[in-house]
Amino acid sequence: MKSNAAAAKGDRRLRSDRRQRVIYGLLVGSVHRRRRAVRRTRNRGFIAVDWHDARWLAVAILVMLCSLADALLTLNLIHHGAYEANPVMLPLVAGSGTAFAICKLAMTGGGMVLLILLAHSHVFGWLRVANVLYGILTLYAALIGYELWLLGLLTQQT
């Protein structure tokens, strides 16, 4: 039973539940975002927001481009006599190069989506996931530099 004070103030609960209209919520929610930041600063658990910073899109695009470059450089290095050191990717590299590249990009893309969803969270209670995203981008850049250096060595030997 609603109190007279709640009815007099125009209680918002009188409307239908917006969570029941999923398609409408997706269409309208993509234009009129409600949750742009966390509610409580002390909240360190999973935090869902509707609006993500544009920098996460830039980081995701750069990581995906680095992943593509890594896949192409890895295949090129293997063609010149190198071997895959990653035991997870080794069976994929031994097969089709296309399957290797697709699997690598799919795993990287899935990981990036998950990390961007968790960008406002903390890992181990102290490390922001946002910093992990920057770390992944930095490590990919270093890996590409290393692969280019190796490729230069291998092409000089042949």
C-alpha atoms as a PDB file:
ATOM      1  CA  MET A   1       0.000   0.000   0.000  1.00  0.00           C
ATOM      2  CA  LYS A   2       1.378   3.389  -0.942  1.00  0.00           C
ATOM      3  CA  SER A   3       1.324   6.210   1.526  1.00  0.00           C
ATOM      4  CA  ASN A   4      -0.486   9.446   0.724  1.00  0.00           C
ATOM      5  CA  ALA A   5       2.829  11.337   0.845  1.00  0.00           C
ATOM      6  CA  ALA A   6       4.351   9.107  -1.863  1.00  0.00           C
ATOM      7  CA  ALA A   7       1.270   9.490  -4.057  1.00  0.00           C
ATOM      8  CA  ALA A   8       1.272  13.269  -3.541  1.00  0.00           C
ATOM      9  CA  LYS A   9       4.940  13.575  -4.580  1.00  0.00           C
ATOM     10  CA  GLY A  10       4.304  11.750  -7.824  1.00  0.00           C
ATOM     11  CA  ASP A  11       5.927   8.448  -6.917  1.00  0.00           C
ATOM     12  CA  ARG A  12       7.897   7.167  -9.906  1.00  0.00           C
ATOM     13  CA  ARG A  13       7.044   3.570  -9.060  1.00  0.00           C
ATOM     14  CA  LEU A  14       3.536   4.076 -10.393  1.00  0.00           C
ATOM     15  CA  ARG A  15       4.830   3.708 -13.963  1.00  0.00           C
ATOM     16  CA  SER A  16       5.371   0.340 -15.581  1.00  0.00           C
ATOM     17  CA  ASP A  17       8.684  -1.338 -14.939  1.00  0.00           C
ATOM     18  CA  ARG A  18      11.126  -0.222 -17.647  1.00  0.00           C
ATOM     19  CA  ARG A  19      13.071  -3.487 -17.331  1.00  0.00           C
ATOM     20  CA  GLN A  20      10.180  -5.382 -18.917  1.00  0.00           C
ATOM     21  CA  ARG A  21      10.703  -3.703 -22.329  1.00  0.00           C
ATOM     22  CA  VAL A  22      14.125  -4.964 -23.398  1.00  0.00           C
ATOM     23  CA  ILE A  23      14.184  -3.778 -27.037  1.00  0.00           C
ATOM     24  CA  TYR A  24      12.867  -0.351 -26.071  1.00  0.00           C
ATOM     25  CA  GLY A  25      15.474  -0.140 -23.326  1.00  0.00           C
ATOM     26  CA  LEU A  26      18.289  -0.986 -25.733  1.00  0.00           C
ATOM     27  CA  LEU A  27      17.146   1.524 -28.352  1.00  0.00           C
ATOM     28  CA  VAL A  28      16.395   4.391 -25.986  1.00  0.00           C
ATOM     29  CA  GLY A  29      19.278   3.537 -23.648  1.00  0.00           C
ATOM     30  CA  SER A  30      21.810   3.857 -26.444  1.00  0.00           C
ATOM     31  CA  VAL A  31      20.753   7.479 -26.962  1.00  0.00           C
ATOM     32  CA  HIS A  32      19.788   8.582 -23.437  1.00  0.00           C
ATOM     33  CA  ARG A  33      22.366   6.949 -21.210  1.00  0.00           C
ATOM     34  CA  ARG A  34      21.589   6.877 -17.525  1.00  0.00           C
ATOM     35  CA  ARG A  35      24.666   5.440 -15.854  1.00  0.00           C
ATOM     36  CA  ARG A  36      27.851   7.287 -16.823  1.00  0.00           C
ATOM     37  CA  ALA A  37      29.855   6.670 -13.652  1.00  0.00           C
ATOM     38  CA  VAL A  38      29.818   4.544 -10.561  1.00  0.00           C
ATOM     39  CA  ARG A  39      27.315   5.369  -7.840  1.00  0.00           C
ATOM     40  CA  ARG A  40      29.625   5.013  -4.871  1.00  0.00           C
ATOM     41  CA  THR A  41      33.339   5.695  -4.863  1.00  0.00           C
ATOM     42  CA  ARG A  42      33.940   3.040  -2.222  1.00  0.00           C
ATOM     43  CA  ASN A  43      32.384   0.356  -4.427  1.00  0.00           C
ATOM     44  CA  ARG A  44      35.220  -1.819  -5.785  1.00  0.00           C
ATOM     45  CA  GLY A  45      33.198  -4.751  -7.123  1.00  0.00           C
ATOM     46  CA  PHE A  46      31.764  -5.199 -10.585  1.00  0.00           C
ATOM     47  CA  ILE A  47      30.408  -1.873 -11.749  1.00  0.00           C
ATOM     48  CA  ALA A  48      28.105  -1.649 -14.749  1.00  0.00           C
ATOM     49  CA  VAL A  49      27.907   1.634 -16.621  1.00  0.00           C
ATOM     50  CA  ASP A  50      26.057   2.536 -19.810  1.00  0.00           C
ATOM     51  CA  TRP A  51      28.646   4.982 -21.091  1.00  0.00           C
ATOM     52  CA  HIS A  52      32.326   4.181 -21.568  1.00  0.00           C
ATOM     53  CA  ASP A  53      35.057   6.711 -22.243  1.00  0.00           C
ATOM     54  CA  ALA A  54      36.195   7.117 -25.841  1.00  0.00           C
ATOM     55  CA  ARG A  55      39.732   6.317 -24.732  1.00  0.00           C
ATOM     56  CA  TRP A  56      38.706   2.684 -24.170  1.00  0.00           C
ATOM     57  CA  LEU A  57      37.603   2.482 -27.788  1.00  0.00           C
ATOM     58  CA  ALA A  58      40.969   3.908 -28.849  1.00  0.00           C
ATOM     59  CA  VAL A  59      42.846   1.453 -26.613  1.00  0.00           C
ATOM     60  CA  ALA A  60      40.740  -1.457 -27.903  1.00  0.00           C
ATOM     61  CA  ILE A  61      41.345  -0.503 -31.536  1.00  0.00           C
ATOM     62  CA  LEU A  62      45.078  -0.127 -30.939  1.00  0.00           C
ATOM     63  CA  VAL A  63      45.270  -3.477 -29.124  1.00  0.00           C
ATOM     64  CA  MET A  64      43.346  -5.188 -31.928  1.00  0.00           C
ATOM     65  CA  LEU A  65      45.663  -3.650 -34.540  1.00  0.00           C
ATOM     66  CA  CYS A  66      48.663  -4.773 -32.485  1.00  0.00           C
ATOM     67  CA  SER A  67      47.160  -8.258 -32.242  1.00  0.00           C
ATOM     68  CA  LEU A  68      46.732  -8.376 -36.009  1.00  0.00           C
ATOM     69  CA  ALA A  69      50.304  -7.174 -36.524  1.00  0.00           C
ATOM     70  CA  ASP A  70      51.499  -9.786 -34.015  1.00  0.00           C
ATOM     71  CA  ALA A  71      49.662 -12.549 -35.888  1.00  0.00           C
ATOM     72  CA  LEU A  72      51.111 -11.484 -39.248  1.00  0.00           C
ATOM     73  CA  LEU A  73      54.614 -11.083 -37.848  1.00  0.00           C
ATOM     74  CA  THR A  74      54.398 -14.452 -36.092  1.00  0.00           C
ATOM     75  CA  LEU A  75      53.414 -16.193 -39.325  1.00  0.00           C
ATOM     76  CA  ASN A  76      56.197 -14.383 -41.160  1.00  0.00           C
ATOM     77  CA  LEU A  77      58.752 -15.353 -38.501  1.00  0.00           C
ATOM     78  CA  ILE A  78      57.664 -18.994 -38.645  1.00  0.00           C
ATOM     79  CA  HIS A  79      58.037 -18.886 -42.409  1.00  0.00           C
ATOM     80  CA  HIS A  80      61.652 -17.737 -41.861  1.00  0.00           C
ATOM     81  CA  GLY A  81      62.439 -20.582 -39.443  1.00  0.00           C
ATOM     82  CA  ALA A  82      61.318 -19.341 -36.023  1.00  0.00           C
ATOM     83  CA  TYR A  83      59.008 -21.330 -33.759  1.00  0.00           C
ATOM     84  CA  GLU A  84      55.989 -20.403 -31.648  1.00  0.00           C
ATOM     85  CA  ALA A  85      56.900 -20.154 -27.965  1.00  0.00           C
ATOM     86  CA  ASN A  86      53.313 -19.812 -26.715  1.00  0.00           C
ATOM     87  CA  PRO A  87      52.011 -23.338 -25.957  1.00  0.00           C
ATOM     88  CA  VAL A  88      48.376 -22.206 -26.290  1.00  0.00           C
ATOM     89  CA  MET A  89      48.878 -20.870 -29.807  1.00  0.00           C
ATOM     90  CA  LEU A  90      51.274 -23.604 -30.966  1.00  0.00           C
ATOM     91  CA  PRO A  91      48.566 -25.994 -32.233  1.00  0.00           C
ATOM     92  CA  LEU A  92      46.870 -23.153 -34.104  1.00  0.00           C
ATOM     93  CA  VAL A  93      50.084 -21.996 -35.772  1.00  0.00           C
ATOM     94  CA  ALA A  94      50.842 -25.539 -36.906  1.00  0.00           C
ATOM     95  CA  GLY A  95      47.554 -25.583 -38.825  1.00  0.00           C
ATOM     96  CA  SER A  96      46.147 -22.920 -41.082  1.00  0.00           C
ATOM     97  CA  GLY A  97      47.523 -19.391 -40.840  1.00  0.00           C
ATOM     98  CA  THR A  98      44.033 -18.011 -41.387  1.00  0.00           C
ATOM     99  CA  ALA A  99      42.596 -20.068 -38.536  1.00  0.00           C
ATOM    100  CA  PHE A 100      45.458 -18.922 -36.310  1.00  0.00           C
ATOM    101  CA  ALA A 101      44.818 -15.243 -37.097  1.00  0.00           C
ATOM    102  CA  ILE A 102      41.054 -15.566 -36.636  1.00  0.00           C
ATOM    103  CA  CYS A 103      41.383 -17.384 -33.307  1.00  0.00           C
ATOM    104  CA  LYS A 104      43.988 -14.891 -32.077  1.00  0.00           C
ATOM    105  CA  LEU A 105      41.840 -11.901 -32.984  1.00  0.00           C
ATOM    106  CA  ALA A 106      38.702 -13.496 -31.523  1.00  0.00           C
ATOM    107  CA  MET A 107      40.410 -14.255 -28.207  1.00  0.00           C
ATOM    108  CA  THR A 108      41.943 -10.779 -28.053  1.00  0.00           C
ATOM    109  CA  GLY A 109      38.638  -9.109 -28.953  1.00  0.00           C
ATOM    110  CA  GLY A 110      36.708 -11.091 -26.350  1.00  0.00           C
ATOM    111  CA  GLY A 111      39.275 -10.227 -23.726  1.00  0.00           C
ATOM    112  CA  MET A 112      39.143  -6.547 -24.646  1.00  0.00           C
ATOM    113  CA  VAL A 113      35.341  -6.447 -24.390  1.00  0.00           C
ATOM    114  CA  LEU A 114      35.511  -8.044 -20.944  1.00  0.00           C
ATOM    115  CA  LEU A 115      38.263  -5.707 -19.740  1.00  0.00           C
ATOM    116  CA  ILE A 116      36.427  -2.618 -21.000  1.00  0.00           C
ATOM    117  CA  LEU A 117      33.265  -3.741 -19.205  1.00  0.00           C
ATOM    118  CA  LEU A 118      35.368  -4.039 -16.053  1.00  0.00           C
ATOM    119  CA  ALA A 119      37.417  -0.854 -16.628  1.00  0.00           C
ATOM    120  CA  HIS A 120      36.020   0.821 -13.505  1.00  0.00           C
ATOM    121  CA  SER A 121      36.757  -2.201 -11.316  1.00  0.00           C
ATOM    122  CA  HIS A 122      39.852  -3.198  -9.398  1.00  0.00           C
ATOM    123  CA  VAL A 123      41.862  -6.415  -9.565  1.00  0.00           C
ATOM    124  CA  PHE A 124      43.338  -7.764  -6.327  1.00  0.00           C
ATOM    125  CA  GLY A 125      41.628  -4.880  -4.532  1.00  0.00           C
ATOM    126  CA  TRP A 126      44.191  -2.271  -5.612  1.00  0.00           C
ATOM    127  CA  LEU A 127      44.950  -2.488  -9.351  1.00  0.00           C
ATOM    128  CA  ARG A 128      42.518  -0.696 -11.648  1.00  0.00           C
ATOM    129  CA  VAL A 129      41.501  -2.695 -14.712  1.00  0.00           C
ATOM    130  CA  ALA A 130      41.950   0.516 -16.710  1.00  0.00           C
ATOM    131  CA  ASN A 131      45.668   0.345 -15.921  1.00  0.00           C
ATOM    132  CA  VAL A 132      45.691  -3.288 -17.057  1.00  0.00           C
ATOM    133  CA  LEU A 133      44.344  -2.131 -20.440  1.00  0.00           C
ATOM    134  CA  TYR A 134      47.204   0.344 -20.800  1.00  0.00           C
ATOM    135  CA  GLY A 135      49.650  -2.347 -19.719  1.00  0.00           C
ATOM    136  CA  ILE A 136      48.368  -4.744 -22.392  1.00  0.00           C
ATOM    137  CA  LEU A 137      48.783  -2.067 -25.046  1.00  0.00           C
ATOM    138  CA  THR A 138      52.335  -1.347 -23.864  1.00  0.00           C
ATOM    139  CA  LEU A 139      53.250  -5.045 -23.831  1.00  0.00           C
ATOM    140  CA  TYR A 140      51.838  -5.524 -27.334  1.00  0.00           C
ATOM    141  CA  ALA A 141      53.903  -2.576 -28.605  1.00  0.00           C
ATOM    142  CA  ALA A 142      57.035  -4.079 -27.030  1.00  0.00           C
ATOM    143  CA  LEU A 143      56.210  -7.498 -28.506  1.00  0.00           C
ATOM    144  CA  ILE A 144      55.839  -6.039 -31.991  1.00  0.00           C
ATOM    145  CA  GLY A 145      59.163  -4.235 -31.615  1.00  0.00           C
ATOM    146  CA  TYR A 146      60.799  -7.510 -30.555  1.00  0.00           C
ATOM    147  CA  GLU A 147      59.246  -9.393 -33.478  1.00  0.00           C
ATOM    148  CA  LEU A 148      60.431  -6.756 -35.944  1.00  0.00           C
ATOM    149  CA  TRP A 149      63.930  -7.031 -34.490  1.00  0.00           C
ATOM    150  CA  LEU A 150      63.819 -10.835 -34.827  1.00  0.00           C
ATOM    151  CA  LEU A 151      62.524 -10.587 -38.366  1.00  0.00           C
ATOM    152  CA  GLY A 152      65.406  -8.274 -39.225  1.00  0.00           C
ATOM    153  CA  LEU A 153      67.880 -10.806 -37.823  1.00  0.00           C
ATOM    154  CA  LEU A 154      66.313 -13.735 -39.640  1.00  0.00           C
ATOM    155  CA  THR A 155      66.117 -11.968 -42.991  1.00  0.00           C
ATOM    156  CA  GLN A 156      69.790 -10.935 -42.741  1.00  0.00           C
ATOM    157  CA  GLN A 157      70.811 -14.567 -42.215  1.00  0.00           C
ATOM    158  CA  THR A 158      69.048 -15.828 -45.327  1.00  0.00           C
END
